Amino acid sequence: MRSLFAAAAFAVAGLCAGSFALAQTPPTAADTMAPMPPANWLFVQTADSVTFEGTTLTLKGVAPQTLMFTDRPERMTGDAPTAKFVEYWTSGKSDFEKDPPNATLSVDVGGKAYLSVIELTNPQLSGDTLTYTVKVLGDAPPASGKLASLFIDWWYGPGWGPRRYWGPGPWGPGPGGACWRGPYGGLHCRPAWAW
C-alpha cells in the first residue's frame, strides 16, 4: 500500500492543481450535467503544517476544499468542501465511521519528504484546523512538519443524499451527485453530500 500512495502522492500533484482550479468554478445552467457514476475515489487534503502527538494528528491551515480523483471507470476529478467531508464522515450509507479509511501522510521535515501510513477516525474541524485520531500502521508520523498532503483511501461513491439543484433550474441530475465537463474536457464531479 505504501508504494501505491507514494506513487499517487507524486502523480497526482498536477491533477490536484487542476482540480482545485475547477473547484472554484461551480457548474452553471449552460453546463451539461450527468449523474455521478459509481467509482472508487481517493481524497486529498493539504495543509500548511502538521503535528502528531499521542494518537492525534493535527493539520493546520488545511485547505477549504478536499480534492478527490479516480481512474476507473473514467479518469475523473472532484471536490468537496472540507467541512462537508467531515460532516459526511458519520452520515453516509457506507460512511468512514463504519469502515475507517487508511491514509498516507506526506510531509516536509527539514526539506525532506516523510511518508507514514495511518488509519483515520474522529475528524474534528475548527476553522482551518483539522484533527484526526489515528492508528499508526507503519512508521509513525513526525512530531511536526510542513506542506502536508493527506491521501485518504478509497470511498465508493456516489453517496445517496438528497437531490440538489444548481442555479435557478433543476440542473442536478439525481440524488447521488453530478458531473460536468471542465474547461479542459475532463469530467469533474461533486457528490450530493458535498453541496
N, C-alpha and C. Protein backbone atom coordinates (compact mmCIF):
# COMPACT_ATOMS: atom_id res chain seq x y z
N MET A 1 0.82 -1.19 0.00
CA MET A 1 0.00 0.00 0.00
C MET A 1 0.86 1.26 0.00
N ARG A 2 1.99 1.21 0.69
CA ARG A 2 2.83 2.39 0.78
C ARG A 2 3.27 2.84 -0.61
N SER A 3 3.65 1.89 -1.46
CA SER A 3 4.11 2.26 -2.79
C SER A 3 2.98 2.87 -3.60
N LEU A 4 1.75 2.36 -3.44
CA LEU A 4 0.60 2.93 -4.13
C LEU A 4 0.42 4.39 -3.75
N PHE A 5 0.44 4.66 -2.46
CA PHE A 5 0.23 6.03 -2.02
C PHE A 5 1.41 6.93 -2.36
N ALA A 6 2.62 6.39 -2.29
CA ALA A 6 3.78 7.19 -2.63
C ALA A 6 3.72 7.59 -4.10
N ALA A 7 3.36 6.63 -4.96
CA ALA A 7 3.24 6.94 -6.38
C ALA A 7 2.13 7.95 -6.60
N ALA A 8 1.02 7.76 -5.89
CA ALA A 8 -0.10 8.68 -6.04
C ALA A 8 0.28 10.08 -5.58
N ALA A 9 1.08 10.17 -4.52
CA ALA A 9 1.49 11.47 -4.00
C ALA A 9 2.19 12.31 -5.05
N PHE A 10 3.02 11.68 -5.86
CA PHE A 10 3.76 12.42 -6.87
C PHE A 10 2.95 12.56 -8.15
N ALA A 11 2.23 11.53 -8.55
CA ALA A 11 1.50 11.56 -9.81
C ALA A 11 0.31 12.50 -9.77
N VAL A 12 -0.26 12.71 -8.58
CA VAL A 12 -1.49 13.49 -8.51
C VAL A 12 -1.25 14.98 -8.32
N ALA A 13 -0.03 15.41 -8.14
CA ALA A 13 0.24 16.83 -7.87
C ALA A 13 -0.36 17.73 -8.94
N GLY A 14 -0.11 17.42 -10.21
CA GLY A 14 -0.68 18.24 -11.28
C GLY A 14 -2.18 18.13 -11.35
N LEU A 15 -2.69 16.91 -11.15
CA LEU A 15 -4.13 16.69 -11.16
C LEU A 15 -4.81 17.51 -10.09
N CYS A 16 -4.23 17.54 -8.89
CA CYS A 16 -4.83 18.29 -7.79
C CYS A 16 -4.86 19.78 -8.10
N ALA A 17 -3.80 20.29 -8.68
CA ALA A 17 -3.76 21.72 -9.02
C ALA A 17 -4.88 22.05 -9.99
N GLY A 18 -5.06 21.21 -11.00
CA GLY A 18 -6.13 21.44 -11.97
C GLY A 18 -7.49 21.28 -11.34
N SER A 19 -7.63 20.27 -10.48
CA SER A 19 -8.89 20.02 -9.82
C SER A 19 -9.27 21.18 -8.92
N PHE A 20 -8.28 21.77 -8.22
CA PHE A 20 -8.59 22.89 -7.34
C PHE A 20 -9.09 24.08 -8.15
N ALA A 21 -8.50 24.29 -9.33
CA ALA A 21 -8.94 25.38 -10.19
C ALA A 21 -10.38 25.15 -10.61
N LEU A 22 -10.72 23.89 -10.97
CA LEU A 22 -12.09 23.58 -11.35
C LEU A 22 -13.04 23.74 -10.19
N ALA A 23 -12.57 23.42 -8.98
CA ALA A 23 -13.43 23.51 -7.81
C ALA A 23 -13.91 24.93 -7.58
N GLN A 24 -13.15 25.91 -8.06
CA GLN A 24 -13.53 27.29 -7.87
C GLN A 24 -14.62 27.74 -8.84
N THR A 25 -14.94 26.92 -9.85
CA THR A 25 -15.94 27.28 -10.84
C THR A 25 -17.08 26.28 -10.78
N PRO A 26 -18.16 26.59 -10.03
CA PRO A 26 -19.27 25.65 -9.94
C PRO A 26 -19.99 25.56 -11.28
N PRO A 27 -20.73 24.48 -11.50
CA PRO A 27 -21.44 24.32 -12.76
C PRO A 27 -22.51 25.38 -12.92
N THR A 28 -22.82 25.70 -14.16
CA THR A 28 -23.88 26.68 -14.46
C THR A 28 -24.95 25.99 -15.29
N ALA A 29 -26.02 26.72 -15.57
CA ALA A 29 -27.12 26.18 -16.35
C ALA A 29 -26.65 25.74 -17.74
N ALA A 30 -25.59 26.37 -18.25
CA ALA A 30 -25.08 26.04 -19.58
C ALA A 30 -24.29 24.75 -19.60
N ASP A 31 -23.82 24.31 -18.45
CA ASP A 31 -23.04 23.09 -18.40
C ASP A 31 -23.94 21.87 -18.60
N THR A 32 -23.42 20.87 -19.29
CA THR A 32 -24.14 19.62 -19.46
C THR A 32 -23.86 18.76 -18.24
N MET A 33 -24.89 18.50 -17.48
CA MET A 33 -24.74 17.73 -16.26
C MET A 33 -25.04 16.27 -16.54
N ALA A 34 -24.37 15.40 -15.81
CA ALA A 34 -24.60 13.97 -15.91
C ALA A 34 -24.56 13.38 -14.51
N PRO A 35 -25.26 12.26 -14.29
CA PRO A 35 -25.18 11.63 -12.96
C PRO A 35 -23.75 11.22 -12.65
N MET A 36 -23.40 11.30 -11.40
CA MET A 36 -22.07 10.90 -10.96
C MET A 36 -21.97 9.38 -10.99
N PRO A 37 -21.08 8.82 -11.82
CA PRO A 37 -21.01 7.36 -11.92
C PRO A 37 -20.35 6.75 -10.68
N PRO A 38 -20.75 5.54 -10.31
CA PRO A 38 -20.08 4.85 -9.21
C PRO A 38 -18.61 4.64 -9.54
N ALA A 39 -17.75 4.88 -8.56
CA ALA A 39 -16.31 4.72 -8.77
C ALA A 39 -15.62 4.70 -7.41
N ASN A 40 -14.39 4.23 -7.39
CA ASN A 40 -13.55 4.30 -6.19
C ASN A 40 -12.82 5.63 -6.20
N TRP A 41 -13.04 6.44 -5.20
CA TRP A 41 -12.46 7.78 -5.12
C TRP A 41 -11.37 7.82 -4.06
N LEU A 42 -10.31 8.53 -4.35
CA LEU A 42 -9.24 8.80 -3.40
C LEU A 42 -9.32 10.29 -3.05
N PHE A 43 -9.26 10.63 -1.78
CA PHE A 43 -9.34 12.02 -1.34
C PHE A 43 -7.96 12.56 -1.00
N VAL A 44 -7.79 13.86 -1.20
CA VAL A 44 -6.53 14.52 -0.87
C VAL A 44 -6.83 15.78 -0.08
N GLN A 45 -6.23 15.89 1.10
CA GLN A 45 -6.33 17.10 1.90
C GLN A 45 -4.92 17.67 2.06
N THR A 46 -4.80 18.99 1.90
CA THR A 46 -3.50 19.64 2.05
C THR A 46 -3.57 20.64 3.19
N ALA A 47 -2.41 20.87 3.80
CA ALA A 47 -2.34 21.81 4.92
C ALA A 47 -0.97 22.45 4.96
N ASP A 48 -0.91 23.62 5.59
CA ASP A 48 0.37 24.33 5.73
C ASP A 48 1.34 23.57 6.63
N SER A 49 0.80 22.97 7.70
CA SER A 49 1.68 22.26 8.64
C SER A 49 0.90 21.14 9.32
N VAL A 50 1.66 20.26 9.99
CA VAL A 50 1.06 19.13 10.68
C VAL A 50 1.82 18.88 11.97
N THR A 51 1.09 18.44 12.99
CA THR A 51 1.73 17.97 14.23
C THR A 51 1.11 16.63 14.59
N PHE A 52 1.89 15.80 15.28
CA PHE A 52 1.42 14.49 15.72
C PHE A 52 1.85 14.29 17.16
N GLU A 53 0.86 13.99 18.02
CA GLU A 53 1.15 13.77 19.43
C GLU A 53 0.21 12.70 19.96
N GLY A 54 0.78 11.63 20.53
CA GLY A 54 -0.04 10.52 21.03
C GLY A 54 -0.75 9.83 19.88
N THR A 55 -2.07 9.98 19.83
CA THR A 55 -2.86 9.43 18.72
C THR A 55 -3.56 10.53 17.93
N THR A 56 -3.15 11.78 18.12
CA THR A 56 -3.81 12.90 17.47
C THR A 56 -2.94 13.51 16.39
N LEU A 57 -3.48 13.55 15.18
CA LEU A 57 -2.85 14.20 14.04
C LEU A 57 -3.58 15.51 13.81
N THR A 58 -2.84 16.61 13.76
CA THR A 58 -3.45 17.94 13.59
C THR A 58 -2.91 18.59 12.33
N LEU A 59 -3.81 18.89 11.40
CA LEU A 59 -3.47 19.62 10.18
C LEU A 59 -3.84 21.08 10.39
N LYS A 60 -2.86 21.97 10.30
CA LYS A 60 -3.12 23.40 10.49
C LYS A 60 -3.02 24.11 9.15
N GLY A 61 -3.94 25.05 8.93
CA GLY A 61 -4.00 25.72 7.64
C GLY A 61 -4.50 24.77 6.57
N VAL A 62 -5.47 23.91 6.93
CA VAL A 62 -5.99 22.94 5.98
C VAL A 62 -6.79 23.67 4.89
N ALA A 63 -6.67 23.20 3.66
CA ALA A 63 -7.37 23.82 2.53
C ALA A 63 -8.88 23.69 2.71
N PRO A 64 -9.64 24.68 2.28
CA PRO A 64 -11.09 24.61 2.43
C PRO A 64 -11.75 23.58 1.53
N GLN A 65 -11.05 23.11 0.49
CA GLN A 65 -11.58 22.10 -0.41
C GLN A 65 -10.80 20.80 -0.25
N THR A 66 -11.51 19.69 -0.13
CA THR A 66 -10.92 18.37 -0.18
C THR A 66 -11.05 17.90 -1.62
N LEU A 67 -9.94 17.56 -2.24
CA LEU A 67 -9.95 17.11 -3.63
C LEU A 67 -10.15 15.61 -3.69
N MET A 68 -10.65 15.14 -4.82
CA MET A 68 -10.88 13.72 -5.00
C MET A 68 -10.59 13.35 -6.44
N PHE A 69 -10.16 12.11 -6.67
CA PHE A 69 -9.90 11.68 -8.03
C PHE A 69 -10.04 10.17 -8.14
N THR A 70 -10.19 9.70 -9.36
CA THR A 70 -10.28 8.28 -9.66
C THR A 70 -9.76 8.04 -11.06
N ASP A 71 -9.42 6.80 -11.37
CA ASP A 71 -9.04 6.50 -12.75
C ASP A 71 -9.92 5.39 -13.34
N ARG A 72 -10.93 4.95 -12.63
CA ARG A 72 -11.86 3.95 -13.13
C ARG A 72 -13.28 4.37 -12.76
N PRO A 73 -14.29 4.23 -13.57
CA PRO A 73 -14.23 3.72 -14.94
C PRO A 73 -13.70 4.76 -15.93
N GLU A 74 -13.59 6.00 -15.51
CA GLU A 74 -13.02 7.07 -16.32
C GLU A 74 -12.18 7.92 -15.39
N ARG A 75 -11.12 8.51 -15.90
CA ARG A 75 -10.33 9.41 -15.06
C ARG A 75 -11.18 10.63 -14.75
N MET A 76 -11.45 10.85 -13.48
CA MET A 76 -12.32 11.94 -13.06
C MET A 76 -11.67 12.68 -11.90
N THR A 77 -12.00 13.94 -11.77
CA THR A 77 -11.61 14.73 -10.61
C THR A 77 -12.89 15.14 -9.90
N GLY A 78 -12.73 15.63 -8.71
CA GLY A 78 -13.89 16.10 -7.96
C GLY A 78 -13.44 16.96 -6.80
N ASP A 79 -14.39 17.50 -6.11
CA ASP A 79 -14.08 18.31 -4.94
C ASP A 79 -15.26 18.32 -3.99
N ALA A 80 -14.95 18.62 -2.74
CA ALA A 80 -15.96 18.75 -1.70
C ALA A 80 -15.42 19.72 -0.66
N PRO A 81 -16.25 20.62 -0.16
CA PRO A 81 -15.78 21.45 0.95
C PRO A 81 -15.29 20.55 2.09
N THR A 82 -14.17 20.89 2.67
CA THR A 82 -13.63 20.08 3.76
C THR A 82 -14.63 19.96 4.90
N ALA A 83 -15.39 21.01 5.17
CA ALA A 83 -16.41 20.95 6.23
C ALA A 83 -17.47 19.91 5.90
N LYS A 84 -17.88 19.81 4.64
CA LYS A 84 -18.88 18.82 4.23
C LYS A 84 -18.30 17.40 4.30
N PHE A 85 -17.02 17.27 3.95
CA PHE A 85 -16.35 15.97 4.05
C PHE A 85 -16.39 15.48 5.50
N VAL A 86 -16.09 16.37 6.44
CA VAL A 86 -16.10 16.00 7.85
C VAL A 86 -17.52 15.65 8.30
N GLU A 87 -18.52 16.43 7.85
CA GLU A 87 -19.92 16.13 8.20
C GLU A 87 -20.34 14.76 7.68
N TYR A 88 -19.91 14.42 6.48
CA TYR A 88 -20.31 13.16 5.86
C TYR A 88 -19.70 11.94 6.55
N TRP A 89 -18.63 12.14 7.28
CA TRP A 89 -17.86 11.05 7.89
C TRP A 89 -18.76 10.03 8.59
N THR A 90 -19.80 10.49 9.27
CA THR A 90 -20.66 9.58 10.03
C THR A 90 -22.09 9.51 9.50
N SER A 91 -22.36 10.05 8.30
CA SER A 91 -23.75 10.13 7.86
C SER A 91 -24.06 9.38 6.57
N GLY A 92 -23.08 8.78 5.94
CA GLY A 92 -23.32 8.14 4.66
C GLY A 92 -23.78 6.70 4.80
N LYS A 93 -24.28 6.16 3.69
CA LYS A 93 -24.73 4.78 3.65
C LYS A 93 -23.58 3.83 3.97
N SER A 94 -22.41 4.15 3.45
CA SER A 94 -21.21 3.35 3.76
C SER A 94 -20.13 4.31 4.23
N ASP A 95 -20.41 4.98 5.34
CA ASP A 95 -19.54 6.06 5.79
C ASP A 95 -18.23 5.55 6.38
N PHE A 96 -17.33 6.51 6.61
CA PHE A 96 -15.99 6.19 7.11
C PHE A 96 -16.01 5.77 8.57
N GLU A 97 -17.06 6.12 9.31
CA GLU A 97 -17.13 5.71 10.70
C GLU A 97 -17.24 4.19 10.80
N LYS A 98 -18.02 3.59 9.86
CA LYS A 98 -18.20 2.15 9.87
C LYS A 98 -16.96 1.41 9.36
N ASP A 99 -16.24 2.04 8.45
CA ASP A 99 -15.06 1.42 7.84
C ASP A 99 -13.96 2.47 7.75
N PRO A 100 -13.21 2.70 8.86
CA PRO A 100 -12.20 3.77 8.87
C PRO A 100 -11.20 3.61 7.73
N PRO A 101 -10.93 4.71 7.03
CA PRO A 101 -10.01 4.62 5.91
C PRO A 101 -8.55 4.64 6.34
N ASN A 102 -7.72 4.02 5.52
CA ASN A 102 -6.28 4.18 5.66
C ASN A 102 -5.89 5.45 4.93
N ALA A 103 -4.75 5.99 5.26
CA ALA A 103 -4.27 7.20 4.60
C ALA A 103 -2.75 7.20 4.63
N THR A 104 -2.19 7.92 3.69
CA THR A 104 -0.75 8.16 3.71
C THR A 104 -0.53 9.65 3.89
N LEU A 105 0.27 10.00 4.86
CA LEU A 105 0.62 11.39 5.11
C LEU A 105 1.98 11.65 4.49
N SER A 106 2.05 12.65 3.63
CA SER A 106 3.32 13.10 3.05
C SER A 106 3.59 14.49 3.63
N VAL A 107 4.74 14.65 4.26
CA VAL A 107 5.02 15.91 4.93
C VAL A 107 6.50 16.26 4.77
N ASP A 108 6.78 17.55 4.70
CA ASP A 108 8.15 18.04 4.59
C ASP A 108 8.72 18.20 6.00
N VAL A 109 9.83 17.51 6.25
CA VAL A 109 10.53 17.64 7.54
C VAL A 109 11.97 18.02 7.23
N GLY A 110 12.31 19.26 7.47
CA GLY A 110 13.67 19.74 7.22
C GLY A 110 14.08 19.63 5.77
N GLY A 111 13.15 19.84 4.86
CA GLY A 111 13.47 19.79 3.43
C GLY A 111 13.41 18.40 2.82
N LYS A 112 13.03 17.38 3.59
CA LYS A 112 12.93 16.02 3.07
C LYS A 112 11.50 15.52 3.23
N ALA A 113 11.05 14.76 2.23
CA ALA A 113 9.70 14.18 2.29
C ALA A 113 9.68 13.01 3.26
N TYR A 114 8.63 12.96 4.06
CA TYR A 114 8.46 11.89 5.03
C TYR A 114 7.07 11.30 4.82
N LEU A 115 6.98 9.98 4.65
CA LEU A 115 5.70 9.30 4.45
C LEU A 115 5.37 8.41 5.63
N SER A 116 4.12 8.40 6.02
CA SER A 116 3.67 7.48 7.06
C SER A 116 2.26 7.01 6.71
N VAL A 117 1.97 5.76 7.05
CA VAL A 117 0.66 5.15 6.77
C VAL A 117 -0.10 5.04 8.08
N ILE A 118 -1.35 5.52 8.05
CA ILE A 118 -2.16 5.59 9.26
C ILE A 118 -3.60 5.23 8.95
N GLU A 119 -4.38 4.94 9.98
CA GLU A 119 -5.82 4.77 9.87
C GLU A 119 -6.47 5.96 10.55
N LEU A 120 -7.49 6.53 9.92
CA LEU A 120 -8.12 7.76 10.42
C LEU A 120 -9.48 7.50 11.05
N THR A 121 -9.73 8.17 12.19
CA THR A 121 -11.06 8.20 12.80
C THR A 121 -11.27 9.58 13.40
N ASN A 122 -12.52 9.85 13.75
CA ASN A 122 -12.91 11.02 14.54
C ASN A 122 -12.38 12.36 14.03
N PRO A 123 -12.72 12.77 12.80
CA PRO A 123 -12.27 14.08 12.33
C PRO A 123 -12.99 15.21 13.06
N GLN A 124 -12.26 16.25 13.39
CA GLN A 124 -12.83 17.43 14.05
C GLN A 124 -12.26 18.66 13.36
N LEU A 125 -13.15 19.51 12.83
CA LEU A 125 -12.72 20.71 12.12
C LEU A 125 -13.09 21.94 12.92
N SER A 126 -12.11 22.81 13.15
CA SER A 126 -12.33 24.08 13.84
C SER A 126 -11.58 25.15 13.06
N GLY A 127 -12.33 25.98 12.31
CA GLY A 127 -11.68 26.96 11.46
C GLY A 127 -10.88 26.25 10.39
N ASP A 128 -9.57 26.54 10.34
CA ASP A 128 -8.73 25.85 9.35
C ASP A 128 -7.81 24.82 10.01
N THR A 129 -8.25 24.30 11.17
CA THR A 129 -7.50 23.25 11.87
C THR A 129 -8.34 21.98 11.89
N LEU A 130 -7.79 20.91 11.33
CA LEU A 130 -8.48 19.63 11.25
C LEU A 130 -7.67 18.60 12.03
N THR A 131 -8.33 17.91 12.96
CA THR A 131 -7.65 16.87 13.73
C THR A 131 -8.28 15.52 13.45
N TYR A 132 -7.48 14.49 13.49
CA TYR A 132 -7.92 13.10 13.38
C TYR A 132 -7.33 12.32 14.54
N THR A 133 -8.06 11.31 15.00
CA THR A 133 -7.47 10.29 15.86
C THR A 133 -6.91 9.24 14.91
N VAL A 134 -5.67 8.82 15.13
CA VAL A 134 -5.05 7.90 14.18
C VAL A 134 -4.52 6.65 14.86
N LYS A 135 -4.49 5.60 14.06
CA LYS A 135 -3.81 4.35 14.43
C LYS A 135 -2.65 4.23 13.45
N VAL A 136 -1.44 4.12 13.97
CA VAL A 136 -0.25 4.04 13.12
C VAL A 136 -0.15 2.63 12.54
N LEU A 137 -0.01 2.54 11.21
CA LEU A 137 0.08 1.26 10.51
C LEU A 137 1.48 0.97 10.00
N GLY A 138 2.34 1.94 10.04
CA GLY A 138 3.72 1.78 9.58
C GLY A 138 4.61 2.65 10.44
N ASP A 139 5.47 3.43 9.79
CA ASP A 139 6.27 4.40 10.53
C ASP A 139 5.37 5.48 11.10
N ALA A 140 5.64 5.90 12.32
CA ALA A 140 4.83 6.95 12.94
C ALA A 140 5.05 8.28 12.23
N PRO A 141 4.01 9.11 12.16
CA PRO A 141 4.19 10.44 11.59
C PRO A 141 5.22 11.23 12.41
N PRO A 142 5.86 12.20 11.79
CA PRO A 142 6.80 13.04 12.55
C PRO A 142 6.05 13.91 13.55
N ALA A 143 6.75 14.36 14.57
CA ALA A 143 6.13 15.22 15.58
C ALA A 143 5.61 16.51 14.96
N SER A 144 6.30 17.00 13.93
CA SER A 144 5.84 18.21 13.24
C SER A 144 6.47 18.27 11.85
N GLY A 145 5.83 19.02 10.99
CA GLY A 145 6.32 19.20 9.64
C GLY A 145 5.48 20.23 8.93
N LYS A 146 5.84 20.49 7.67
CA LYS A 146 5.08 21.49 6.92
C LYS A 146 4.72 20.92 5.56
N LEU A 147 3.91 21.69 4.82
CA LEU A 147 3.47 21.30 3.48
C LEU A 147 2.94 19.87 3.46
N ALA A 148 1.91 19.63 4.27
CA ALA A 148 1.36 18.29 4.43
C ALA A 148 0.33 17.97 3.36
N SER A 149 0.36 16.73 2.87
CA SER A 149 -0.67 16.20 1.98
C SER A 149 -1.13 14.87 2.57
N LEU A 150 -2.44 14.75 2.75
CA LEU A 150 -3.01 13.53 3.32
C LEU A 150 -3.83 12.85 2.23
N PHE A 151 -3.39 11.64 1.81
CA PHE A 151 -4.06 10.87 0.77
C PHE A 151 -4.92 9.82 1.46
N ILE A 152 -6.24 9.98 1.34
CA ILE A 152 -7.18 9.14 2.08
C ILE A 152 -7.72 8.04 1.18
N ASP A 153 -7.70 6.82 1.71
CA ASP A 153 -8.06 5.61 1.00
C ASP A 153 -9.47 5.67 0.40
N TRP A 154 -9.78 4.68 -0.39
CA TRP A 154 -10.95 4.64 -1.25
C TRP A 154 -12.28 4.84 -0.54
N TRP A 155 -13.12 5.60 -1.22
CA TRP A 155 -14.55 5.72 -0.89
C TRP A 155 -15.29 5.35 -2.16
N TYR A 156 -16.23 4.42 -2.06
CA TYR A 156 -17.00 4.03 -3.24
C TYR A 156 -18.22 4.92 -3.30
N GLY A 157 -18.27 5.76 -4.32
CA GLY A 157 -19.36 6.73 -4.43
C GLY A 157 -19.98 6.68 -5.80
N PRO A 158 -21.07 7.38 -6.00
CA PRO A 158 -21.52 8.49 -5.17
C PRO A 158 -22.32 8.03 -3.95
N GLY A 159 -22.46 8.97 -3.00
CA GLY A 159 -23.33 8.74 -1.86
C GLY A 159 -24.75 9.11 -2.24
N TRP A 160 -25.70 8.58 -1.54
CA TRP A 160 -27.09 8.86 -1.90
C TRP A 160 -27.71 9.81 -0.90
N GLY A 161 -27.53 11.09 -1.17
CA GLY A 161 -28.09 12.14 -0.33
C GLY A 161 -29.29 12.74 -1.00
N PRO A 162 -29.82 13.85 -0.48
CA PRO A 162 -30.98 14.50 -1.08
C PRO A 162 -30.64 15.11 -2.43
N ARG A 163 -31.65 15.25 -3.29
CA ARG A 163 -31.45 15.88 -4.59
C ARG A 163 -31.00 17.32 -4.39
N ARG A 164 -30.03 17.75 -5.20
CA ARG A 164 -29.50 19.10 -5.11
C ARG A 164 -29.72 19.82 -6.44
N TYR A 165 -29.80 21.12 -6.38
CA TYR A 165 -30.02 21.91 -7.58
C TYR A 165 -28.95 22.98 -7.71
N TRP A 166 -28.66 23.37 -8.93
CA TRP A 166 -27.67 24.40 -9.20
C TRP A 166 -28.35 25.55 -9.89
N GLY A 167 -28.23 26.75 -9.37
CA GLY A 167 -28.78 27.92 -10.03
C GLY A 167 -30.30 27.93 -10.02
N PRO A 168 -30.91 28.62 -10.99
CA PRO A 168 -32.35 28.81 -10.97
C PRO A 168 -33.15 27.61 -11.47
N GLY A 169 -32.51 26.62 -12.03
CA GLY A 169 -33.26 25.49 -12.58
C GLY A 169 -32.79 24.18 -11.98
N PRO A 170 -33.48 23.09 -12.27
CA PRO A 170 -33.10 21.78 -11.71
C PRO A 170 -31.96 21.14 -12.50
N TRP A 171 -30.75 21.70 -12.36
CA TRP A 171 -29.63 21.21 -13.15
C TRP A 171 -29.04 19.93 -12.57
N GLY A 172 -29.31 19.67 -11.32
CA GLY A 172 -28.78 18.45 -10.73
C GLY A 172 -29.47 17.23 -11.31
N PRO A 173 -28.73 16.25 -11.79
CA PRO A 173 -29.33 15.11 -12.47
C PRO A 173 -29.86 14.02 -11.56
N GLY A 174 -29.61 14.07 -10.30
CA GLY A 174 -30.09 12.99 -9.44
C GLY A 174 -29.55 13.10 -8.04
N PRO A 175 -29.97 12.18 -7.16
CA PRO A 175 -29.62 12.27 -5.76
C PRO A 175 -28.20 11.85 -5.41
N GLY A 176 -27.47 11.22 -6.32
CA GLY A 176 -26.15 10.72 -5.96
C GLY A 176 -25.01 11.67 -6.20
N GLY A 177 -25.25 12.76 -6.91
CA GLY A 177 -24.20 13.69 -7.25
C GLY A 177 -24.22 13.95 -8.74
N ALA A 178 -23.36 14.84 -9.18
CA ALA A 178 -23.36 15.24 -10.58
C ALA A 178 -21.95 15.47 -11.09
N CYS A 179 -21.79 15.34 -12.40
CA CYS A 179 -20.52 15.61 -13.07
C CYS A 179 -20.77 16.53 -14.25
N TRP A 180 -19.74 17.27 -14.61
CA TRP A 180 -19.80 18.13 -15.78
C TRP A 180 -18.40 18.20 -16.38
N ARG A 181 -18.34 18.58 -17.64
CA ARG A 181 -17.05 18.68 -18.32
C ARG A 181 -16.39 20.00 -17.97
N GLY A 182 -15.15 19.93 -17.51
CA GLY A 182 -14.40 21.14 -17.17
C GLY A 182 -13.84 21.79 -18.41
N PRO A 183 -13.13 22.91 -18.26
CA PRO A 183 -12.62 23.65 -19.40
C PRO A 183 -11.60 22.87 -20.23
N TYR A 184 -11.01 21.82 -19.66
CA TYR A 184 -10.04 21.01 -20.40
C TYR A 184 -10.63 19.70 -20.89
N GLY A 185 -11.94 19.56 -20.78
CA GLY A 185 -12.61 18.38 -21.29
C GLY A 185 -12.75 17.23 -20.32
N GLY A 186 -12.07 17.31 -19.17
CA GLY A 186 -12.15 16.24 -18.19
C GLY A 186 -13.45 16.28 -17.42
N LEU A 187 -13.85 15.14 -16.90
CA LEU A 187 -15.08 15.05 -16.12
C LEU A 187 -14.78 15.44 -14.67
N HIS A 188 -15.53 16.41 -14.16
CA HIS A 188 -15.37 16.88 -12.79
C HIS A 188 -16.68 16.60 -12.06
N CYS A 189 -16.59 16.02 -10.87
CA CYS A 189 -17.79 15.56 -10.15
C CYS A 189 -17.87 16.15 -8.75
N ARG A 190 -19.08 16.14 -8.25
CA ARG A 190 -19.31 16.54 -6.86
C ARG A 190 -20.43 15.68 -6.31
N PRO A 191 -20.16 14.90 -5.23
CA PRO A 191 -21.22 14.08 -4.65
C PRO A 191 -22.30 14.94 -4.03
N ALA A 192 -23.49 14.39 -3.91
CA ALA A 192 -24.62 15.15 -3.37
C ALA A 192 -24.34 15.70 -1.98
N TRP A 193 -23.61 14.94 -1.17
CA TRP A 193 -23.35 15.38 0.20
C TRP A 193 -22.38 16.55 0.27
N ALA A 194 -21.75 16.88 -0.85
CA ALA A 194 -20.76 17.98 -0.86
C ALA A 194 -21.37 19.34 -1.13
N TRP A 195 -22.68 19.40 -1.39
CA TRP A 195 -23.31 20.70 -1.70
C TRP A 195 -23.87 21.32 -0.47
